[in-house]
Amino acid sequence: MSDVNDFFAALFRGQLISAISLEEMKKKTSFAPYGLGIWEWSEDCSGAPRFGGKGGFWDYRTIAMSSTDGRYQAAMTFVPGPIPSPLEDPESDKKHELWSGQIASALLETLDRLCQ
């Protein structure tokens, strides 16, 4: 996961794209809380929102977050045992959403502790 954290650190430190492009990425779209390539999560202890990415495919979930100044990052991937696909069992989507929420909660708590 260090490569994902390194990416978000470089992104928010202005080492990958221009400041104008980064601001465009952070703007909310009609798909809020998803901007142009990044998600927005709750504010950190300084009052700034956190941004990052999330994704998955049937049997895994990954979420990565960063402070807006690029000082703090946290990422996690969860790979459960095999479960039916959402096409086979619609309840599988609920499990995936639960796992994603739990990952996000753990990452937010970690970043909160780093921020203090």
PDB file of N, CA and C in Angstrom:
ATOM      1  N   MET A   1       0.818  -1.197   0.000  1.00  0.00           N
ATOM      2  CA  MET A   1       0.000   0.000   0.000  1.00  0.00           C
ATOM      3  C   MET A   1       0.864   1.264   0.000  1.00  0.00           C
ATOM      4  N   SER A   2       2.155   1.110   0.221  1.00  0.00           N
ATOM      5  CA  SER A   2       2.999   2.303   0.285  1.00  0.00           C
ATOM      6  C   SER A   2       2.996   3.074  -1.028  1.00  0.00           C
ATOM      7  N   ASP A   3       2.874   2.378  -2.163  1.00  0.00           N
ATOM      8  CA  ASP A   3       2.845   3.094  -3.439  1.00  0.00           C
ATOM      9  C   ASP A   3       1.605   3.967  -3.562  1.00  0.00           C
ATOM     10  N   VAL A   4       0.484   3.507  -3.032  1.00  0.00           N
ATOM     11  CA  VAL A   4      -0.745   4.305  -3.059  1.00  0.00           C
ATOM     12  C   VAL A   4      -0.578   5.527  -2.152  1.00  0.00           C
ATOM     13  N   ASN A   5      -0.028   5.316  -0.970  1.00  0.00           N
ATOM     14  CA  ASN A   5       0.202   6.438  -0.062  1.00  0.00           C
ATOM     15  C   ASN A   5       1.195   7.431  -0.666  1.00  0.00           C
ATOM     16  N   ASP A   6       2.245   6.933  -1.298  1.00  0.00           N
ATOM     17  CA  ASP A   6       3.223   7.823  -1.952  1.00  0.00           C
ATOM     18  C   ASP A   6       2.554   8.647  -3.049  1.00  0.00           C
ATOM     19  N   PHE A   7       1.666   8.013  -3.808  1.00  0.00           N
ATOM     20  CA  PHE A   7       0.953   8.730  -4.871  1.00  0.00           C
ATOM     21  C   PHE A   7       0.146   9.883  -4.294  1.00  0.00           C
ATOM     22  N   PHE A   8      -0.663   9.615  -3.259  1.00  0.00           N
ATOM     23  CA  PHE A   8      -1.497  10.672  -2.700  1.00  0.00           C
ATOM     24  C   PHE A   8      -0.660  11.742  -2.014  1.00  0.00           C
ATOM     25  N   ALA A   9       0.442  11.382  -1.392  1.00  0.00           N
ATOM     26  CA  ALA A   9       1.328  12.392  -0.796  1.00  0.00           C
ATOM     27  C   ALA A   9       1.852  13.319  -1.883  1.00  0.00           C
ATOM     28  N   ALA A  10       2.335  12.756  -2.984  1.00  0.00           N
ATOM     29  CA  ALA A  10       2.869  13.567  -4.083  1.00  0.00           C
ATOM     30  C   ALA A  10       1.767  14.412  -4.729  1.00  0.00           C
ATOM     31  N   LEU A  11       0.585  13.843  -4.884  1.00  0.00           N
ATOM     32  CA  LEU A  11      -0.530  14.575  -5.482  1.00  0.00           C
ATOM     33  C   LEU A  11      -0.847  15.826  -4.674  1.00  0.00           C
ATOM     34  N   PHE A  12      -1.010  15.666  -3.363  1.00  0.00           N
ATOM     35  CA  PHE A  12      -1.427  16.794  -2.531  1.00  0.00           C
ATOM     36  C   PHE A  12      -0.286  17.726  -2.151  1.00  0.00           C
ATOM     37  N   ARG A  13       0.924  17.321  -2.390  1.00  0.00           N
ATOM     38  CA  ARG A  13       2.070  18.225  -2.209  1.00  0.00           C
ATOM     39  C   ARG A  13       2.384  18.994  -3.481  1.00  0.00           C
ATOM     40  N   GLY A  14       1.589  18.784  -4.521  1.00  0.00           N
ATOM     41  CA  GLY A  14       1.769  19.515  -5.762  1.00  0.00           C
ATOM     42  C   GLY A  14       2.888  19.011  -6.639  1.00  0.00           C
ATOM     43  N   GLN A  15       3.270  17.754  -6.482  1.00  0.00           N
ATOM     44  CA  GLN A  15       4.389  17.199  -7.237  1.00  0.00           C
ATOM     45  C   GLN A  15       3.953  16.464  -8.504  1.00  0.00           C
ATOM     46  N   LEU A  16       2.656  16.290  -8.726  1.00  0.00           N
ATOM     47  CA  LEU A  16       2.191  15.530  -9.885  1.00  0.00           C
ATOM     48  C   LEU A  16       1.440  16.374 -10.907  1.00  0.00           C
ATOM     49  N   ILE A  17       0.623  17.282 -10.435  1.00  0.00           N
ATOM     50  CA  ILE A  17      -0.178  18.114 -11.334  1.00  0.00           C
ATOM     51  C   ILE A  17      -0.166  19.545 -10.801  1.00  0.00           C
ATOM     52  N   SER A  18      -0.643  20.460 -11.616  1.00  0.00           N
ATOM     53  CA  SER A  18      -0.677  21.868 -11.199  1.00  0.00           C
ATOM     54  C   SER A  18      -1.696  22.068 -10.077  1.00  0.00           C
ATOM     55  N   ALA A  19      -1.523  23.154  -9.355  1.00  0.00           N
ATOM     56  CA  ALA A  19      -2.462  23.500  -8.282  1.00  0.00           C
ATOM     57  C   ALA A  19      -3.865  23.704  -8.837  1.00  0.00           C
ATOM     58  N   ILE A  20      -3.962  24.291 -10.022  1.00  0.00           N
ATOM     59  CA  ILE A  20      -5.275  24.510 -10.655  1.00  0.00           C
ATOM     60  C   ILE A  20      -5.944  23.171 -10.960  1.00  0.00           C
ATOM     61  N   SER A  21      -5.178  22.230 -11.484  1.00  0.00           N
ATOM     62  CA  SER A  21      -5.742  20.907 -11.790  1.00  0.00           C
ATOM     63  C   SER A  21      -6.182  20.194 -10.521  1.00  0.00           C
ATOM     64  N   LEU A  22      -5.396  20.309  -9.464  1.00  0.00           N
ATOM     65  CA  LEU A  22      -5.765  19.665  -8.198  1.00  0.00           C
ATOM     66  C   LEU A  22      -7.050  20.275  -7.654  1.00  0.00           C
ATOM     67  N   GLU A  23      -7.194  21.579  -7.738  1.00  0.00           N
ATOM     68  CA  GLU A  23      -8.431  22.223  -7.276  1.00  0.00           C
ATOM     69  C   GLU A  23      -9.633  21.727  -8.081  1.00  0.00           C
ATOM     70  N   GLU A  24      -9.448  21.531  -9.379  1.00  0.00           N
ATOM     71  CA  GLU A  24     -10.531  20.986 -10.202  1.00  0.00           C
ATOM     72  C   GLU A  24     -10.902  19.580  -9.753  1.00  0.00           C
ATOM     73  N   MET A  25      -9.894  18.771  -9.412  1.00  0.00           N
ATOM     74  CA  MET A  25     -10.164  17.407  -8.945  1.00  0.00           C
ATOM     75  C   MET A  25     -10.980  17.413  -7.664  1.00  0.00           C
ATOM     76  N   LYS A  26     -10.746  18.396  -6.809  1.00  0.00           N
ATOM     77  CA  LYS A  26     -11.400  18.434  -5.502  1.00  0.00           C
ATOM     78  C   LYS A  26     -12.814  19.015  -5.549  1.00  0.00           C
ATOM     79  N   LYS A  27     -13.180  19.672  -6.647  1.00  0.00           N
ATOM     80  CA  LYS A  27     -14.529  20.232  -6.745  1.00  0.00           C
ATOM     81  C   LYS A  27     -15.559  19.115  -6.790  1.00  0.00           C
ATOM     82  N   LYS A  28     -16.636  19.328  -6.072  1.00  0.00           N
ATOM     83  CA  LYS A  28     -17.718  18.351  -6.088  1.00  0.00           C
ATOM     84  C   LYS A  28     -18.448  18.399  -7.418  1.00  0.00           C
ATOM     85  N   THR A  29     -18.853  17.243  -7.858  1.00  0.00           N
ATOM     86  CA  THR A  29     -19.626  17.131  -9.092  1.00  0.00           C
ATOM     87  C   THR A  29     -21.038  16.697  -8.733  1.00  0.00           C
ATOM     88  N   SER A  30     -21.820  16.405  -9.728  1.00  0.00           N
ATOM     89  CA  SER A  30     -23.166  15.903  -9.459  1.00  0.00           C
ATOM     90  C   SER A  30     -23.127  14.512  -8.837  1.00  0.00           C
ATOM     91  N   PHE A  31     -21.940  13.899  -8.798  1.00  0.00           N
ATOM     92  CA  PHE A  31     -21.763  12.592  -8.180  1.00  0.00           C
ATOM     93  C   PHE A  31     -21.161  12.723  -6.782  1.00  0.00           C
ATOM     94  N   ALA A  32     -21.421  13.839  -6.090  1.00  0.00           N
ATOM     95  CA  ALA A  32     -20.848  14.081  -4.765  1.00  0.00           C
ATOM     96  C   ALA A  32     -21.050  12.861  -3.883  1.00  0.00           C
ATOM     97  N   PRO A  33     -20.060  12.480  -3.081  1.00  0.00           N
ATOM     98  CA  PRO A  33     -18.835  13.184  -2.741  1.00  0.00           C
ATOM     99  C   PRO A  33     -17.661  12.899  -3.683  1.00  0.00           C
ATOM    100  N   TYR A  34     -17.942  12.480  -4.887  1.00  0.00           N
ATOM    101  CA  TYR A  34     -16.894  12.142  -5.835  1.00  0.00           C
ATOM    102  C   TYR A  34     -16.601  13.329  -6.732  1.00  0.00           C
ATOM    103  N   GLY A  35     -15.339  13.760  -6.753  1.00  0.00           N
ATOM    104  CA  GLY A  35     -14.917  14.834  -7.638  1.00  0.00           C
ATOM    105  C   GLY A  35     -14.379  14.254  -8.931  1.00  0.00           C
ATOM    106  N   LEU A  36     -13.461  14.932  -9.538  1.00  0.00           N
ATOM    107  CA  LEU A  36     -12.849  14.456 -10.772  1.00  0.00           C
ATOM    108  C   LEU A  36     -11.686  13.525 -10.457  1.00  0.00           C
ATOM    109  N   GLY A  37     -12.006  12.332 -10.032  1.00  0.00           N
ATOM    110  CA  GLY A  37     -10.976  11.333  -9.758  1.00  0.00           C
ATOM    111  C   GLY A  37     -10.718  11.070  -8.294  1.00  0.00           C
ATOM    112  N   ILE A  38     -11.261  11.865  -7.400  1.00  0.00           N
ATOM    113  CA  ILE A  38     -11.030  11.633  -5.971  1.00  0.00           C
ATOM    114  C   ILE A  38     -12.327  11.809  -5.181  1.00  0.00           C
ATOM    115  N   TRP A  39     -12.370  11.127  -4.057  1.00  0.00           N
ATOM    116  CA  TRP A  39     -13.512  11.205  -3.139  1.00  0.00           C
ATOM    117  C   TRP A  39     -13.191  12.191  -2.035  1.00  0.00           C
ATOM    118  N   GLU A  40     -14.214  12.809  -1.487  1.00  0.00           N
ATOM    119  CA  GLU A  40     -14.047  13.686  -0.333  1.00  0.00           C
ATOM    120  C   GLU A  40     -14.638  13.006   0.897  1.00  0.00           C
ATOM    121  N   TRP A  41     -13.848  13.020   1.978  1.00  0.00           N
ATOM    122  CA  TRP A  41     -14.316  12.482   3.249  1.00  0.00           C
ATOM    123  C   TRP A  41     -14.396  13.610   4.279  1.00  0.00           C
ATOM    124  N   SER A  42     -14.789  13.275   5.487  1.00  0.00           N
ATOM    125  CA  SER A  42     -15.011  14.271   6.530  1.00  0.00           C
ATOM    126  C   SER A  42     -13.742  15.064   6.844  1.00  0.00           C
ATOM    127  N   GLU A  43     -13.946  16.171   7.527  1.00  0.00           N
ATOM    128  CA  GLU A  43     -12.852  17.077   7.852  1.00  0.00           C
ATOM    129  C   GLU A  43     -11.896  16.476   8.870  1.00  0.00           C
ATOM    130  N   ASP A  44     -10.630  16.909   8.789  1.00  0.00           N
ATOM    131  CA  ASP A  44      -9.641  16.489   9.776  1.00  0.00           C
ATOM    132  C   ASP A  44      -9.637  17.490  10.933  1.00  0.00           C
ATOM    133  N   CYS A  45      -8.676  17.371  11.834  1.00  0.00           N
ATOM    134  CA  CYS A  45      -8.677  18.218  13.027  1.00  0.00           C
ATOM    135  C   CYS A  45      -8.403  19.686  12.699  1.00  0.00           C
ATOM    136  N   SER A  46      -7.891  19.988  11.522  1.00  0.00           N
ATOM    137  CA  SER A  46      -7.668  21.380  11.130  1.00  0.00           C
ATOM    138  C   SER A  46      -8.887  21.974  10.430  1.00  0.00           C
ATOM    139  N   GLY A  47      -9.905  21.153  10.185  1.00  0.00           N
ATOM    140  CA  GLY A  47     -11.108  21.618   9.505  1.00  0.00           C
ATOM    141  C   GLY A  47     -11.078  21.425   8.003  1.00  0.00           C
ATOM    142  N   ALA A  48      -9.982  20.885   7.484  1.00  0.00           N
ATOM    143  CA  ALA A  48      -9.867  20.649   6.037  1.00  0.00           C
ATOM    144  C   ALA A  48     -10.423  19.263   5.697  1.00  0.00           C
ATOM    145  N   PRO A  49     -11.083  19.142   4.552  1.00  0.00           N
ATOM    146  CA  PRO A  49     -11.572  17.809   4.167  1.00  0.00           C
ATOM    147  C   PRO A  49     -10.402  16.891   3.812  1.00  0.00           C
ATOM    148  N   ARG A  50     -10.654  15.607   3.843  1.00  0.00           N
ATOM    149  CA  ARG A  50      -9.672  14.622   3.392  1.00  0.00           C
ATOM    150  C   ARG A  50     -10.129  14.105   2.041  1.00  0.00           C
ATOM    151  N   PHE A  51      -9.177  13.745   1.213  1.00  0.00           N
ATOM    152  CA  PHE A  51      -9.494  13.245  -0.121  1.00  0.00           C
ATOM    153  C   PHE A  51      -8.769  11.939  -0.362  1.00  0.00           C
ATOM    154  N   GLY A  52      -9.242  11.196  -1.324  1.00  0.00           N
ATOM    155  CA  GLY A  52      -8.571   9.953  -1.670  1.00  0.00           C
ATOM    156  C   GLY A  52      -9.357   9.192  -2.716  1.00  0.00           C
ATOM    157  N   GLY A  53      -9.118   7.910  -2.732  1.00  0.00           N
ATOM    158  CA  GLY A  53      -9.772   7.068  -3.715  1.00  0.00           C
ATOM    159  C   GLY A  53     -10.347   5.828  -3.076  1.00  0.00           C
ATOM    160  N   LYS A  54     -11.300   5.247  -3.756  1.00  0.00           N
ATOM    161  CA  LYS A  54     -11.854   3.981  -3.289  1.00  0.00           C
ATOM    162  C   LYS A  54     -12.247   3.156  -4.494  1.00  0.00           C
ATOM    163  N   GLY A  55     -12.190   1.876  -4.316  1.00  0.00           N
ATOM    164  CA  GLY A  55     -12.561   1.007  -5.413  1.00  0.00           C
ATOM    165  C   GLY A  55     -12.610  -0.431  -4.970  1.00  0.00           C
ATOM    166  N   GLY A  56     -13.003  -1.252  -5.869  1.00  0.00           N
ATOM    167  CA  GLY A  56     -13.081  -2.666  -5.566  1.00  0.00           C
ATOM    168  C   GLY A  56     -13.683  -3.408  -6.729  1.00  0.00           C
ATOM    169  N   PHE A  57     -13.608  -4.670  -6.620  1.00  0.00           N
ATOM    170  CA  PHE A  57     -14.238  -5.546  -7.594  1.00  0.00           C
ATOM    171  C   PHE A  57     -14.662  -6.766  -6.824  1.00  0.00           C
ATOM    172  N   TRP A  58     -15.765  -7.265  -7.036  1.00  0.00           N
ATOM    173  CA  TRP A  58     -16.517  -8.251  -6.287  1.00  0.00           C
ATOM    174  C   TRP A  58     -15.886  -8.738  -4.995  1.00  0.00           C
ATOM    175  N   ASP A  59     -14.673  -9.215  -5.001  1.00  0.00           N
ATOM    176  CA  ASP A  59     -14.140  -9.816  -3.774  1.00  0.00           C
ATOM    177  C   ASP A  59     -13.100  -8.980  -3.046  1.00  0.00           C
ATOM    178  N   TYR A  60     -12.928  -7.719  -3.358  1.00  0.00           N
ATOM    179  CA  TYR A  60     -12.024  -6.897  -2.561  1.00  0.00           C
ATOM    180  C   TYR A  60     -12.499  -5.455  -2.531  1.00  0.00           C
ATOM    181  N   ARG A  61     -12.007  -4.732  -1.548  1.00  0.00           N
ATOM    182  CA  ARG A  61     -12.297  -3.317  -1.376  1.00  0.00           C
ATOM    183  C   ARG A  61     -11.002  -2.619  -0.994  1.00  0.00           C
ATOM    184  N   THR A  62     -10.724  -1.478  -1.615  1.00  0.00           N
ATOM    185  CA  THR A  62      -9.557  -0.670  -1.270  1.00  0.00           C
ATOM    186  C   THR A  62      -9.999   0.771  -1.107  1.00  0.00           C
ATOM    187  N   ILE A  63      -9.504   1.411  -0.050  1.00  0.00           N
ATOM    188  CA  ILE A  63      -9.743   2.829   0.174  1.00  0.00           C
ATOM    189  C   ILE A  63      -8.415   3.448   0.579  1.00  0.00           C
ATOM    190  N   ALA A  64      -8.136   4.623   0.039  1.00  0.00           N
ATOM    191  CA  ALA A  64      -6.946   5.395   0.391  1.00  0.00           C
ATOM    192  C   ALA A  64      -7.371   6.828   0.659  1.00  0.00           C
ATOM    193  N   MET A  65      -6.770   7.448   1.667  1.00  0.00           N
ATOM    194  CA  MET A  65      -7.110   8.825   2.041  1.00  0.00           C
ATOM    195  C   MET A  65      -5.843   9.607   2.294  1.00  0.00           C
ATOM    196  N   SER A  66      -5.954  10.920   2.139  1.00  0.00           N
ATOM    197  CA  SER A  66      -4.830  11.809   2.405  1.00  0.00           C
ATOM    198  C   SER A  66      -5.327  13.119   2.988  1.00  0.00           C
ATOM    199  N   SER A  67      -4.487  13.741   3.799  1.00  0.00           N
ATOM    200  CA  SER A  67      -4.762  15.108   4.220  1.00  0.00           C
ATOM    201  C   SER A  67      -4.524  16.011   3.013  1.00  0.00           C
ATOM    202  N   THR A  68      -5.144  17.179   3.004  1.00  0.00           N
ATOM    203  CA  THR A  68      -5.025  18.060   1.847  1.00  0.00           C
ATOM    204  C   THR A  68      -3.632  18.658   1.695  1.00  0.00           C
ATOM    205  N   ASP A  69      -2.829  18.639   2.754  1.00  0.00           N
ATOM    206  CA  ASP A  69      -1.462  19.138   2.636  1.00  0.00           C
ATOM    207  C   ASP A  69      -0.460  18.041   2.275  1.00  0.00           C
ATOM    208  N   GLY A  70      -0.951  16.798   2.150  1.00  0.00           N
ATOM    209  CA  GLY A  70      -0.076  15.690   1.779  1.00  0.00           C
ATOM    210  C   GLY A  70       0.800  15.166   2.900  1.00  0.00           C
ATOM    211  N   ARG A  71       0.563  15.612   4.123  1.00  0.00           N
ATOM    212  CA  ARG A  71       1.389  15.146   5.256  1.00  0.00           C
ATOM    213  C   ARG A  71       1.015  13.743   5.722  1.00  0.00           C
ATOM    214  N   TYR A  72      -0.272  13.405   5.667  1.00  0.00           N
ATOM    215  CA  TYR A  72      -0.738  12.137   6.213  1.00  0.00           C
ATOM    216  C   TYR A  72      -1.537  11.349   5.184  1.00  0.00           C
ATOM    217  N   GLN A  73      -1.241  10.074   5.083  1.00  0.00           N
ATOM    218  CA  GLN A  73      -1.986   9.179   4.215  1.00  0.00           C
ATOM    219  C   GLN A  73      -2.266   7.880   4.959  1.00  0.00           C
ATOM    220  N   ALA A  74      -3.316   7.223   4.551  1.00  0.00           N
ATOM    221  CA  ALA A  74      -3.636   5.895   5.069  1.00  0.00           C
ATOM    222  C   ALA A  74      -4.386   5.150   3.970  1.00  0.00           C
ATOM    223  N   ALA A  75      -4.083   3.876   3.822  1.00  0.00           N
ATOM    224  CA  ALA A  75      -4.748   3.063   2.804  1.00  0.00           C
ATOM    225  C   ALA A  75      -4.949   1.659   3.348  1.00  0.00           C
ATOM    226  N   MET A  76      -5.999   1.014   2.868  1.00  0.00           N
ATOM    227  CA  MET A  76      -6.290  -0.344   3.323  1.00  0.00           C
ATOM    228  C   MET A  76      -7.017  -1.099   2.219  1.00  0.00           C
ATOM    229  N   THR A  77      -6.667  -2.368   2.091  1.00  0.00           N
ATOM    230  CA  THR A  77      -7.382  -3.279   1.201  1.00  0.00           C
ATOM    231  C   THR A  77      -7.915  -4.426   2.029  1.00  0.00           C
ATOM    232  N   PHE A  78      -9.127  -4.804   1.761  1.00  0.00           N
ATOM    233  CA  PHE A  78      -9.763  -5.932   2.437  1.00  0.00           C
ATOM    234  C   PHE A  78     -10.162  -6.953   1.386  1.00  0.00           C
ATOM    235  N   VAL A  79      -9.732  -8.194   1.602  1.00  0.00           N
ATOM    236  CA  VAL A  79     -10.093  -9.290   0.695  1.00  0.00           C
ATOM    237  C   VAL A  79     -10.795 -10.362   1.520  1.00  0.00           C
ATOM    238  N   PRO A  80     -12.123 -10.433   1.428  1.00  0.00           N
ATOM    239  CA  PRO A  80     -12.860 -11.441   2.191  1.00  0.00           C
ATOM    240  C   PRO A  80     -12.775 -12.800   1.508  1.00  0.00           C
ATOM    241  N   GLY A  81     -13.261 -13.787   2.187  1.00  0.00           N
ATOM    242  CA  GLY A  81     -13.418 -15.087   1.550  1.00  0.00           C
ATOM    243  C   GLY A  81     -14.441 -14.977   0.437  1.00  0.00           C
ATOM    244  N   PRO A  82     -14.474 -15.935  -0.448  1.00  0.00           N
ATOM    245  CA  PRO A  82     -15.417 -15.863  -1.579  1.00  0.00           C
ATOM    246  C   PRO A  82     -16.869 -15.752  -1.100  1.00  0.00           C
ATOM    247  N   ILE A  83     -17.588 -14.846  -1.731  1.00  0.00           N
ATOM    248  CA  ILE A  83     -19.025 -14.720  -1.499  1.00  0.00           C
ATOM    249  C   ILE A  83     -19.687 -14.671  -2.875  1.00  0.00           C
ATOM    250  N   PRO A  84     -20.971 -14.922  -2.941  1.00  0.00           N
ATOM    251  CA  PRO A  84     -21.659 -14.855  -4.234  1.00  0.00           C
ATOM    252  C   PRO A  84     -21.554 -13.448  -4.826  1.00  0.00           C
ATOM    253  N   SER A  85     -21.534 -13.365  -6.129  1.00  0.00           N
ATOM    254  CA  SER A  85     -21.520 -12.060  -6.790  1.00  0.00           C
ATOM    255  C   SER A  85     -22.864 -11.380  -6.564  1.00  0.00           C
ATOM    256  N   PRO A  86     -22.914 -10.055  -6.727  1.00  0.00           N
ATOM    257  CA  PRO A  86     -24.197  -9.364  -6.605  1.00  0.00           C
ATOM    258  C   PRO A  86     -25.237  -9.863  -7.611  1.00  0.00           C
ATOM    259  N   LEU A  87     -24.781 -10.423  -8.715  1.00  0.00           N
ATOM    260  CA  LEU A  87     -25.729 -10.990  -9.675  1.00  0.00           C
ATOM    261  C   LEU A  87     -26.360 -12.268  -9.134  1.00  0.00           C
ATOM    262  N   GLU A  88     -25.603 -12.994  -8.333  1.00  0.00           N
ATOM    263  CA  GLU A  88     -26.103 -14.246  -7.752  1.00  0.00           C
ATOM    264  C   GLU A  88     -26.889 -14.009  -6.471  1.00  0.00           C
ATOM    265  N   ASP A  89     -26.484 -12.975  -5.712  1.00  0.00           N
ATOM    266  CA  ASP A  89     -27.133 -12.685  -4.438  1.00  0.00           C
ATOM    267  C   ASP A  89     -27.100 -11.169  -4.204  1.00  0.00           C
ATOM    268  N   PRO A  90     -28.228 -10.484  -4.359  1.00  0.00           N
ATOM    269  CA  PRO A  90     -28.255  -9.027  -4.173  1.00  0.00           C
ATOM    270  C   PRO A  90     -27.782  -8.579  -2.789  1.00  0.00           C
ATOM    271  N   GLU A  91     -27.836  -9.454  -1.799  1.00  0.00           N
ATOM    272  CA  GLU A  91     -27.377  -9.107  -0.456  1.00  0.00           C
ATOM    273  C   GLU A  91     -25.859  -8.889  -0.413  1.00  0.00           C
ATOM    274  N   SER A  92     -25.142  -9.389  -1.402  1.00  0.00           N
ATOM    275  CA  SER A  92     -23.683  -9.215  -1.446  1.00  0.00           C
ATOM    276  C   SER A  92     -23.307  -7.743  -1.523  1.00  0.00           C
ATOM    277  N   ASP A  93     -24.093  -6.943  -2.219  1.00  0.00           N
ATOM    278  CA  ASP A  93     -23.819  -5.503  -2.294  1.00  0.00           C
ATOM    279  C   ASP A  93     -23.841  -4.862  -0.911  1.00  0.00           C
ATOM    280  N   LYS A  94     -24.776  -5.290  -0.070  1.00  0.00           N
ATOM    281  CA  LYS A  94     -24.855  -4.746   1.292  1.00  0.00           C
ATOM    282  C   LYS A  94     -23.595  -5.086   2.077  1.00  0.00           C
ATOM    283  N   LYS A  95     -23.083  -6.293   1.902  1.00  0.00           N
ATOM    284  CA  LYS A  95     -21.841  -6.687   2.581  1.00  0.00           C
ATOM    285  C   LYS A  95     -20.675  -5.831   2.102  1.00  0.00           C
ATOM    286  N   HIS A  96     -20.598  -5.618   0.796  1.00  0.00           N
ATOM    287  CA  HIS A  96     -19.514  -4.793   0.256  1.00  0.00           C
ATOM    288  C   HIS A  96     -19.580  -3.370   0.803  1.00  0.00           C
ATOM    289  N   GLU A  97     -20.770  -2.803   0.871  1.00  0.00           N
ATOM    290  CA  GLU A  97     -20.928  -1.449   1.404  1.00  0.00           C
ATOM    291  C   GLU A  97     -20.570  -1.399   2.890  1.00  0.00           C
ATOM    292  N   LEU A  98     -20.939  -2.432   3.640  1.00  0.00           N
ATOM    293  CA  LEU A  98     -20.581  -2.492   5.049  1.00  0.00           C
ATOM    294  C   LEU A  98     -19.065  -2.514   5.204  1.00  0.00           C
ATOM    295  N   TRP A  99     -18.410  -3.366   4.436  1.00  0.00           N
ATOM    296  CA  TRP A  99     -16.941  -3.456   4.527  1.00  0.00           C
ATOM    297  C   TRP A  99     -16.289  -2.142   4.135  1.00  0.00           C
ATOM    298  N   SER A 100     -16.785  -1.500   3.085  1.00  0.00           N
ATOM    299  CA  SER A 100     -16.229  -0.214   2.669  1.00  0.00           C
ATOM    300  C   SER A 100     -16.388   0.826   3.774  1.00  0.00           C
ATOM    301  N   GLY A 101     -17.544   0.845   4.405  1.00  0.00           N
ATOM    302  CA  GLY A 101     -17.776   1.772   5.511  1.00  0.00           C
ATOM    303  C   GLY A 101     -16.860   1.521   6.687  1.00  0.00           C
ATOM    304  N   GLN A 102     -16.625   0.255   6.999  1.00  0.00           N
ATOM    305  CA  GLN A 102     -15.735  -0.078   8.109  1.00  0.00           C
ATOM    306  C   GLN A 102     -14.286   0.308   7.799  1.00  0.00           C
ATOM    307  N   ILE A 103     -13.861   0.090   6.562  1.00  0.00           N
ATOM    308  CA  ILE A 103     -12.508   0.497   6.162  1.00  0.00           C
ATOM    309  C   ILE A 103     -12.380   2.013   6.274  1.00  0.00           C
ATOM    310  N   ALA A 104     -13.333   2.738   5.717  1.00  0.00           N
ATOM    311  CA  ALA A 104     -13.286   4.203   5.767  1.00  0.00           C
ATOM    312  C   ALA A 104     -13.249   4.695   7.209  1.00  0.00           C
ATOM    313  N   SER A 105     -14.048   4.101   8.071  1.00  0.00           N
ATOM    314  CA  SER A 105     -14.075   4.493   9.473  1.00  0.00           C
ATOM    315  C   SER A 105     -12.711   4.273  10.138  1.00  0.00           C
ATOM    316  N   ALA A 106     -12.094   3.137   9.887  1.00  0.00           N
ATOM    317  CA  ALA A 106     -10.777   2.851  10.471  1.00  0.00           C
ATOM    318  C   ALA A 106      -9.723   3.829   9.954  1.00  0.00           C
ATOM    319  N   LEU A 107      -9.767   4.152   8.663  1.00  0.00           N
ATOM    320  CA  LEU A 107      -8.789   5.080   8.097  1.00  0.00           C
ATOM    321  C   LEU A 107      -8.995   6.495   8.635  1.00  0.00           C
ATOM    322  N   LEU A 108     -10.249   6.925   8.752  1.00  0.00           N
ATOM    323  CA  LEU A 108     -10.523   8.252   9.301  1.00  0.00           C
ATOM    324  C   LEU A 108     -10.032   8.355  10.741  1.00  0.00           C
ATOM    325  N   GLU A 109     -10.256   7.314  11.529  1.00  0.00           N
ATOM    326  CA  GLU A 109      -9.773   7.328  12.908  1.00  0.00           C
ATOM    327  C   GLU A 109      -8.257   7.380  12.949  1.00  0.00           C
ATOM    328  N   THR A 110      -7.600   6.639  12.079  1.00  0.00           N
ATOM    329  CA  THR A 110      -6.130   6.665  12.026  1.00  0.00           C
ATOM    330  C   THR A 110      -5.639   8.062  11.688  1.00  0.00           C
ATOM    331  N   LEU A 111      -6.220   8.675  10.673  1.00  0.00           N
ATOM    332  CA  LEU A 111      -5.781  10.024  10.292  1.00  0.00           C
ATOM    333  C   LEU A 111      -6.106  11.031  11.376  1.00  0.00           C
ATOM    334  N   ASP A 112      -7.215  10.860  12.079  1.00  0.00           N
ATOM    335  CA  ASP A 112      -7.532  11.756  13.204  1.00  0.00           C
ATOM    336  C   ASP A 112      -6.449  11.680  14.269  1.00  0.00           C
ATOM    337  N   ARG A 113      -5.987  10.481  14.550  1.00  0.00           N
ATOM    338  CA  ARG A 113      -4.954  10.325  15.584  1.00  0.00           C
ATOM    339  C   ARG A 113      -3.616  10.917  15.142  1.00  0.00           C
ATOM    340  N   LEU A 114      -3.307  10.837  13.856  1.00  0.00           N
ATOM    341  CA  LEU A 114      -2.073  11.428  13.340  1.00  0.00           C
ATOM    342  C   LEU A 114      -2.144  12.955  13.338  1.00  0.00           C
ATOM    343  N   CYS A 115      -3.324  13.468  13.131  1.00  0.00           N
ATOM    344  CA  CYS A 115      -3.543  14.903  12.981  1.00  0.00           C
ATOM    345  C   CYS A 115      -3.396  15.652  14.310  1.00  0.00           C
ATOM    346  N   GLN A 116      -3.629  15.005  15.408  1.00  0.00           N
ATOM    347  CA  GLN A 116      -3.635  15.681  16.708  1.00  0.00           C
ATOM    348  C   GLN A 116      -2.276  16.159  17.125  1.00  0.00           C
TER     349      GLN A 116
END
